[in-house]
């Protein structure tokens, strides 16, 4: 086993160690002045059941950071194993909603169809997280369907069997 301190010299090793943890793949969407915007993220987790809170962490280096860090409402979409193309689409920076006709939440947030789960959120709080922000959302509505999740580990996509 390799051991190291997570400093700049060992950033690659630190990233590789983090990559050993399997995460789900999500797309976060919000309404922006220029139209709908989305971003692929794997930093999503539950925080509290009462009140219902979740968090995700946008990177400060992202060109979409300001749109999400200041969003009053957003939706977090948990992708299914067959939705790898959606993950790739929203990892890019431009034309994300080209050829898509999203529905919208009552708060005006664009939402993606047929995802494994969706959490419609209102901003609860934001915290400093180094080169990321920690965005906590209060869940207004949640929905889900059966299926296997899209997962990410060690720099690549994978899937697991559906738990339901």
C-alpha atoms as a PDB file:
ATOM      1  CA  UNK A   1       0.000   0.000   0.000  1.00  0.00           C
ATOM      2  CA  UNK A   2       1.267   3.472  -0.931  1.00  0.00           C
ATOM      3  CA  UNK A   3       1.123   6.130   1.748  1.00  0.00           C
ATOM      4  CA  UNK A   4       1.398   9.866   1.139  1.00  0.00           C
ATOM      5  CA  UNK A   5       0.370  13.306   2.299  1.00  0.00           C
ATOM      6  CA  UNK A   6      -2.121  15.000  -0.080  1.00  0.00           C
ATOM      7  CA  UNK A   7       0.130  17.914  -1.072  1.00  0.00           C
ATOM      8  CA  UNK A   8       0.747  19.360  -4.548  1.00  0.00           C
ATOM      9  CA  UNK A   9       3.627  16.944  -5.178  1.00  0.00           C
ATOM     10  CA  UNK A  10       1.356  13.972  -4.563  1.00  0.00           C
ATOM     11  CA  UNK A  11      -1.843  15.330  -6.130  1.00  0.00           C
ATOM     12  CA  UNK A  12      -1.943  12.516  -8.716  1.00  0.00           C
ATOM     13  CA  UNK A  13      -1.646   9.845  -6.025  1.00  0.00           C
ATOM     14  CA  UNK A  14      -4.330  11.593  -3.972  1.00  0.00           C
ATOM     15  CA  UNK A  15      -6.665  11.664  -6.987  1.00  0.00           C
ATOM     16  CA  UNK A  16      -5.975   7.975  -7.682  1.00  0.00           C
ATOM     17  CA  UNK A  17      -6.769   7.085  -4.069  1.00  0.00           C
ATOM     18  CA  UNK A  18     -10.052   9.004  -4.281  1.00  0.00           C
ATOM     19  CA  UNK A  19     -10.828   7.137  -7.509  1.00  0.00           C
ATOM     20  CA  UNK A  20     -11.000   3.880  -5.549  1.00  0.00           C
ATOM     21  CA  UNK A  21     -14.339   5.016  -4.172  1.00  0.00           C
ATOM     22  CA  UNK A  22     -17.279   4.162  -6.432  1.00  0.00           C
ATOM     23  CA  UNK A  23     -19.700   7.043  -6.954  1.00  0.00           C
ATOM     24  CA  UNK A  24     -22.965   7.479  -8.747  1.00  0.00           C
ATOM     25  CA  UNK A  25     -23.191   9.829 -11.719  1.00  0.00           C
ATOM     26  CA  UNK A  26     -25.535  12.809 -11.602  1.00  0.00           C
ATOM     27  CA  UNK A  27     -26.423  15.784 -13.753  1.00  0.00           C
ATOM     28  CA  UNK A  28     -27.378  18.990 -11.970  1.00  0.00           C
ATOM     29  CA  UNK A  29     -29.540  21.467 -13.888  1.00  0.00           C
ATOM     30  CA  UNK A  30     -30.717  25.002 -13.270  1.00  0.00           C
ATOM     31  CA  UNK A  31     -32.250  27.926 -15.124  1.00  0.00           C
ATOM     32  CA  UNK A  32     -29.778  30.633 -16.153  1.00  0.00           C
ATOM     33  CA  UNK A  33     -30.340  34.024 -17.801  1.00  0.00           C
ATOM     34  CA  UNK A  34     -29.143  32.656 -21.165  1.00  0.00           C
ATOM     35  CA  UNK A  35     -31.252  29.491 -20.861  1.00  0.00           C
ATOM     36  CA  UNK A  36     -31.083  26.082 -19.221  1.00  0.00           C
ATOM     37  CA  UNK A  37     -27.708  24.822 -18.022  1.00  0.00           C
ATOM     38  CA  UNK A  38     -26.472  21.506 -16.649  1.00  0.00           C
ATOM     39  CA  UNK A  39     -23.292  19.908 -15.376  1.00  0.00           C
ATOM     40  CA  UNK A  40     -22.189  16.322 -14.738  1.00  0.00           C
ATOM     41  CA  UNK A  41     -21.057  15.698 -11.144  1.00  0.00           C
ATOM     42  CA  UNK A  42     -20.263  12.721  -8.960  1.00  0.00           C
ATOM     43  CA  UNK A  43     -19.991  14.664  -5.693  1.00  0.00           C
ATOM     44  CA  UNK A  44     -23.539  14.056  -4.478  1.00  0.00           C
ATOM     45  CA  UNK A  45     -24.710  12.705  -1.132  1.00  0.00           C
ATOM     46  CA  UNK A  46     -27.569  12.821   1.305  1.00  0.00           C
ATOM     47  CA  UNK A  47     -27.157  15.036   4.363  1.00  0.00           C
ATOM     48  CA  UNK A  48     -30.365  14.888   6.392  1.00  0.00           C
ATOM     49  CA  UNK A  49     -33.806  13.293   6.352  1.00  0.00           C
ATOM     50  CA  UNK A  50     -35.377  15.978   8.577  1.00  0.00           C
ATOM     51  CA  UNK A  51     -35.209  18.436   6.988  1.00  0.00           C
ATOM     52  CA  UNK A  52     -34.571  16.651   3.675  1.00  0.00           C
ATOM     53  CA  UNK A  53     -31.120  17.877   2.578  1.00  0.00           C
ATOM     54  CA  UNK A  54     -28.630  16.766  -0.083  1.00  0.00           C
ATOM     55  CA  UNK A  55     -25.324  18.230  -1.200  1.00  0.00           C
ATOM     56  CA  UNK A  56     -23.140  18.420  -4.262  1.00  0.00           C
ATOM     57  CA  UNK A  57     -19.849  20.171  -4.988  1.00  0.00           C
ATOM     58  CA  UNK A  58     -19.276  22.248  -8.154  1.00  0.00           C
ATOM     59  CA  UNK A  59     -15.657  22.970  -9.098  1.00  0.00           C
ATOM     60  CA  UNK A  60     -14.646  26.618  -8.917  1.00  0.00           C
ATOM     61  CA  UNK A  61     -12.637  26.147 -12.141  1.00  0.00           C
ATOM     62  CA  UNK A  62     -15.785  25.294 -14.105  1.00  0.00           C
ATOM     63  CA  UNK A  63     -17.064  27.944 -16.495  1.00  0.00           C
ATOM     64  CA  UNK A  64     -20.542  27.118 -15.150  1.00  0.00           C
ATOM     65  CA  UNK A  65     -19.582  27.547 -11.484  1.00  0.00           C
ATOM     66  CA  UNK A  66     -21.182  30.990 -10.957  1.00  0.00           C
ATOM     67  CA  UNK A  67     -24.449  29.850 -12.541  1.00  0.00           C
ATOM     68  CA  UNK A  68     -24.774  27.011 -10.039  1.00  0.00           C
ATOM     69  CA  UNK A  69     -23.222  28.576  -6.928  1.00  0.00           C
ATOM     70  CA  UNK A  70     -25.780  31.375  -7.147  1.00  0.00           C
ATOM     71  CA  UNK A  71     -28.810  29.312  -8.197  1.00  0.00           C
ATOM     72  CA  UNK A  72     -31.847  29.584  -5.920  1.00  0.00           C
ATOM     73  CA  UNK A  73     -33.225  26.299  -7.322  1.00  0.00           C
ATOM     74  CA  UNK A  74     -31.671  23.299  -9.033  1.00  0.00           C
ATOM     75  CA  UNK A  75     -32.441  19.666  -9.843  1.00  0.00           C
ATOM     76  CA  UNK A  76     -30.119  16.726  -9.273  1.00  0.00           C
ATOM     77  CA  UNK A  77     -30.647  13.821 -11.677  1.00  0.00           C
ATOM     78  CA  UNK A  78     -29.252  10.376 -10.800  1.00  0.00           C
ATOM     79  CA  UNK A  79     -28.366   8.680 -14.090  1.00  0.00           C
ATOM     80  CA  UNK A  80     -29.248   5.108 -14.999  1.00  0.00           C
ATOM     81  CA  UNK A  81     -26.708   2.655 -16.418  1.00  0.00           C
ATOM     82  CA  UNK A  82     -27.974   3.257 -19.969  1.00  0.00           C
ATOM     83  CA  UNK A  83     -27.581   7.071 -19.705  1.00  0.00           C
ATOM     84  CA  UNK A  84     -23.832   7.386 -20.208  1.00  0.00           C
ATOM     85  CA  UNK A  85     -24.454   9.698 -23.196  1.00  0.00           C
ATOM     86  CA  UNK A  86     -26.223  12.195 -20.904  1.00  0.00           C
ATOM     87  CA  UNK A  87     -23.222  12.178 -18.602  1.00  0.00           C
ATOM     88  CA  UNK A  88     -20.892  12.948 -21.531  1.00  0.00           C
ATOM     89  CA  UNK A  89     -23.216  15.636 -22.895  1.00  0.00           C
ATOM     90  CA  UNK A  90     -23.310  17.600 -19.639  1.00  0.00           C
ATOM     91  CA  UNK A  91     -19.587  17.191 -18.976  1.00  0.00           C
ATOM     92  CA  UNK A  92     -19.037  19.505 -21.974  1.00  0.00           C
ATOM     93  CA  UNK A  93     -19.493  23.241 -21.698  1.00  0.00           C
ATOM     94  CA  UNK A  94     -21.649  24.437 -24.607  1.00  0.00           C
ATOM     95  CA  UNK A  95     -24.838  23.444 -26.392  1.00  0.00           C
ATOM     96  CA  UNK A  96     -25.884  21.195 -23.556  1.00  0.00           C
ATOM     97  CA  UNK A  97     -29.613  21.450 -24.166  1.00  0.00           C
ATOM     98  CA  UNK A  98     -29.372  21.568 -27.990  1.00  0.00           C
ATOM     99  CA  UNK A  99     -31.994  19.171 -29.415  1.00  0.00           C
ATOM    100  CA  UNK A 100     -33.505  18.588 -25.940  1.00  0.00           C
ATOM    101  CA  UNK A 101     -36.922  19.897 -24.931  1.00  0.00           C
ATOM    102  CA  UNK A 102     -36.823  19.688 -21.144  1.00  0.00           C
ATOM    103  CA  UNK A 103     -39.850  19.970 -18.941  1.00  0.00           C
ATOM    104  CA  UNK A 104     -39.585  22.437 -16.053  1.00  0.00           C
ATOM    105  CA  UNK A 105     -40.285  22.277 -12.327  1.00  0.00           C
ATOM    106  CA  UNK A 106     -42.764  24.785 -10.848  1.00  0.00           C
ATOM    107  CA  UNK A 107     -39.653  26.846  -9.929  1.00  0.00           C
ATOM    108  CA  UNK A 108     -38.578  26.958 -13.601  1.00  0.00           C
ATOM    109  CA  UNK A 109     -35.690  24.470 -13.395  1.00  0.00           C
ATOM    110  CA  UNK A 110     -35.188  22.352 -16.544  1.00  0.00           C
ATOM    111  CA  UNK A 111     -35.426  18.622 -15.869  1.00  0.00           C
ATOM    112  CA  UNK A 112     -34.260  15.584 -17.805  1.00  0.00           C
ATOM    113  CA  UNK A 113     -36.657  12.744 -18.597  1.00  0.00           C
ATOM    114  CA  UNK A 114     -36.451   9.109 -17.523  1.00  0.00           C
ATOM    115  CA  UNK A 115     -33.575   9.417 -15.035  1.00  0.00           C
ATOM    116  CA  UNK A 116     -33.203   6.894 -12.224  1.00  0.00           C
ATOM    117  CA  UNK A 117     -34.016   9.488  -9.534  1.00  0.00           C
ATOM    118  CA  UNK A 118     -34.492  13.235  -9.364  1.00  0.00           C
ATOM    119  CA  UNK A 119     -34.277  15.684  -6.481  1.00  0.00           C
ATOM    120  CA  UNK A 120     -35.806  19.135  -7.014  1.00  0.00           C
ATOM    121  CA  UNK A 121     -34.060  21.482  -4.594  1.00  0.00           C
ATOM    122  CA  UNK A 122     -34.059  24.979  -3.173  1.00  0.00           C
ATOM    123  CA  UNK A 123     -30.701  26.371  -2.067  1.00  0.00           C
ATOM    124  CA  UNK A 124     -30.293  25.787   1.679  1.00  0.00           C
ATOM    125  CA  UNK A 125     -26.669  26.884   2.185  1.00  0.00           C
ATOM    126  CA  UNK A 126     -23.263  27.076   0.532  1.00  0.00           C
ATOM    127  CA  UNK A 127     -19.875  26.460   2.154  1.00  0.00           C
ATOM    128  CA  UNK A 128     -16.268  26.892   1.114  1.00  0.00           C
ATOM    129  CA  UNK A 129     -14.770  23.599   0.012  1.00  0.00           C
ATOM    130  CA  UNK A 130     -11.327  24.596  -1.270  1.00  0.00           C
ATOM    131  CA  UNK A 131     -11.287  24.347  -5.050  1.00  0.00           C
ATOM    132  CA  UNK A 132     -14.989  23.396  -4.912  1.00  0.00           C
ATOM    133  CA  UNK A 133     -18.050  24.849  -3.205  1.00  0.00           C
ATOM    134  CA  UNK A 134     -20.299  22.696  -1.053  1.00  0.00           C
ATOM    135  CA  UNK A 135     -23.878  23.382  -2.115  1.00  0.00           C
ATOM    136  CA  UNK A 136     -26.596  22.076   0.183  1.00  0.00           C
ATOM    137  CA  UNK A 137     -30.110  21.866  -1.194  1.00  0.00           C
ATOM    138  CA  UNK A 138     -33.397  21.403   0.599  1.00  0.00           C
ATOM    139  CA  UNK A 139     -35.328  18.752  -1.311  1.00  0.00           C
ATOM    140  CA  UNK A 140     -38.733  20.007  -2.398  1.00  0.00           C
ATOM    141  CA  UNK A 141     -39.676  16.889  -4.371  1.00  0.00           C
ATOM    142  CA  UNK A 142     -38.076  13.536  -5.141  1.00  0.00           C
ATOM    143  CA  UNK A 143     -38.966  10.917  -7.728  1.00  0.00           C
ATOM    144  CA  UNK A 144     -37.481   7.572  -8.748  1.00  0.00           C
ATOM    145  CA  UNK A 145     -37.868   4.575 -11.015  1.00  0.00           C
ATOM    146  CA  UNK A 146     -36.449   1.062 -11.018  1.00  0.00           C
ATOM    147  CA  UNK A 147     -33.169   0.341 -12.765  1.00  0.00           C
ATOM    148  CA  UNK A 148     -29.433   0.035 -12.339  1.00  0.00           C
ATOM    149  CA  UNK A 149     -27.359   3.183 -11.652  1.00  0.00           C
ATOM    150  CA  UNK A 150     -24.507   4.514 -13.766  1.00  0.00           C
ATOM    151  CA  UNK A 151     -21.366   4.491 -11.597  1.00  0.00           C
ATOM    152  CA  UNK A 152     -17.875   5.923 -11.861  1.00  0.00           C
ATOM    153  CA  UNK A 153     -14.645   4.572 -10.358  1.00  0.00           C
ATOM    154  CA  UNK A 154     -10.961   4.743 -11.224  1.00  0.00           C
ATOM    155  CA  UNK A 155     -11.579   7.176 -14.081  1.00  0.00           C
ATOM    156  CA  UNK A 156     -14.136   5.019 -15.917  1.00  0.00           C
ATOM    157  CA  UNK A 157     -17.829   4.243 -16.023  1.00  0.00           C
ATOM    158  CA  UNK A 158     -19.368   1.013 -14.851  1.00  0.00           C
ATOM    159  CA  UNK A 159     -22.612  -0.341 -13.559  1.00  0.00           C
ATOM    160  CA  UNK A 160     -23.944  -2.469 -10.770  1.00  0.00           C
ATOM    161  CA  UNK A 161     -27.012  -4.636 -10.611  1.00  0.00           C
ATOM    162  CA  UNK A 162     -30.193  -2.875  -9.634  1.00  0.00           C
ATOM    163  CA  UNK A 163     -30.884  -3.163  -5.908  1.00  0.00           C
ATOM    164  CA  UNK A 164     -34.659  -3.178  -6.449  1.00  0.00           C
END
